[in-house]
C-alpha cells in the first residue's frame, strides 16, 4: 500500500498516515542539526518499510537544506549504519 511521508515542522516530525494510523520520526532542531529522537510505527504496521521511508525523508530534507543528522534514535542510528550514503550527514 503506497503512503505519503510529510514533513510537519510545527510538530518537529516526519509523518505518514497509514491505514488511519500515524507513523512518525520525531526530531528537534539544534542549529544546523536535526537531532532525530524517536521513530514510531504502530505494531500492526511494522515490517512494511514505513520507518525506513520516514528516515529517508528526514535525510533527504537534511541534504536539501544543508543540515546534519544526530541519530539519537536507535532506529535512525541503525539505518544510517546500514546505508553508507547517509554517513556524510552524520555529526
Protein backbone atom coordinates (compact mmCIF):
# COMPACT_ATOMS: atom_id res chain seq x y z
CA UNK A 1 0.00 0.00 0.00
CA UNK A 2 1.52 3.35 -1.01
CA UNK A 3 1.69 6.17 1.51
CA UNK A 4 2.98 9.72 1.58
CA UNK A 5 5.59 10.97 4.02
CA UNK A 6 5.06 14.59 5.01
CA UNK A 7 7.25 16.99 6.94
CA UNK A 8 5.36 18.66 9.79
CA UNK A 9 7.76 21.33 11.10
CA UNK A 10 5.16 22.65 13.56
CA UNK A 11 5.39 19.30 15.39
CA UNK A 12 9.08 18.67 14.52
CA UNK A 13 8.44 15.38 12.78
CA UNK A 14 8.15 13.48 9.55
CA UNK A 15 4.90 11.58 9.41
CA UNK A 16 2.81 9.17 7.39
CA UNK A 17 -0.81 8.22 7.89
CA UNK A 18 -1.12 4.53 7.03
CA UNK A 19 -4.43 2.71 7.38
CA UNK A 20 -5.63 5.52 9.63
CA UNK A 21 -2.63 5.20 11.97
CA UNK A 22 0.02 7.86 12.48
CA UNK A 23 3.67 6.86 12.00
CA UNK A 24 6.34 9.38 12.98
CA UNK A 25 10.02 10.20 13.05
CA UNK A 26 10.47 12.98 15.63
CA UNK A 27 13.35 15.42 15.76
CA UNK A 28 14.43 18.63 17.39
CA UNK A 29 16.39 21.27 15.58
CA UNK A 30 19.69 22.39 17.10
CA UNK A 31 21.20 24.98 14.76
CA UNK A 32 22.07 23.18 11.54
CA UNK A 33 21.48 19.74 13.08
CA UNK A 34 18.34 17.60 13.12
CA UNK A 35 18.55 15.62 16.34
CA UNK A 36 16.47 12.54 15.49
CA UNK A 37 14.93 11.50 18.81
CA UNK A 38 12.25 8.89 18.13
CA UNK A 39 10.74 6.79 15.37
CA UNK A 40 7.42 5.04 15.90
CA UNK A 41 5.33 2.78 13.72
CA UNK A 42 2.32 1.00 15.32
CA UNK A 43 2.95 -2.75 15.78
CA UNK A 44 0.40 -3.82 13.17
CA UNK A 45 2.18 -1.77 10.50
CA UNK A 46 5.76 -2.76 11.27
CA UNK A 47 7.82 -4.59 8.68
CA UNK A 48 6.42 -2.64 5.71
CA UNK A 49 9.28 -0.17 5.28
CA UNK A 50 7.39 2.74 6.83
CA UNK A 51 10.09 3.64 9.37
CA UNK A 52 12.72 3.50 6.62
CA UNK A 53 10.63 5.83 4.46
CA UNK A 54 10.30 8.29 7.35
CA UNK A 55 14.06 8.28 7.92
CA UNK A 56 14.78 8.59 4.18
CA UNK A 57 12.53 11.67 4.07
CA UNK A 58 14.41 13.20 7.02
CA UNK A 59 17.78 12.50 5.39
CA UNK A 60 16.65 13.99 2.09
CA UNK A 61 15.35 17.07 3.91
CA UNK A 62 18.73 17.43 5.62
CA UNK A 63 20.57 17.13 2.29
CA UNK A 64 18.37 19.75 0.59
CA UNK A 65 18.77 22.23 3.43
CA UNK A 66 22.45 21.71 4.28
CA UNK A 67 21.69 20.13 7.65
CA UNK A 68 23.41 17.31 9.55
CA UNK A 69 21.81 14.42 11.46
CA UNK A 70 22.42 13.47 15.09
CA UNK A 71 20.82 9.99 15.33
CA UNK A 72 19.78 9.71 18.97
CA UNK A 73 17.00 7.28 17.99
CA UNK A 74 18.32 3.70 17.78
CA UNK A 75 16.38 3.03 14.57
CA UNK A 76 17.83 6.09 12.83
CA UNK A 77 21.32 5.20 14.08
CA UNK A 78 20.98 1.66 12.70
CA UNK A 79 19.56 2.90 9.42
CA UNK A 80 22.47 5.27 8.93
CA UNK A 81 24.98 2.49 9.68
CA UNK A 82 23.34 0.24 7.08
CA UNK A 83 23.32 2.99 4.42
CA UNK A 84 26.84 4.33 3.76
CA UNK A 85 25.45 7.17 1.64
CA UNK A 86 23.95 8.61 4.85
CA UNK A 87 27.32 8.85 6.65
CA UNK A 88 28.10 12.26 5.18
CA UNK A 89 25.12 13.66 7.12
CA UNK A 90 26.20 12.24 10.50
CA UNK A 91 27.53 14.75 13.04
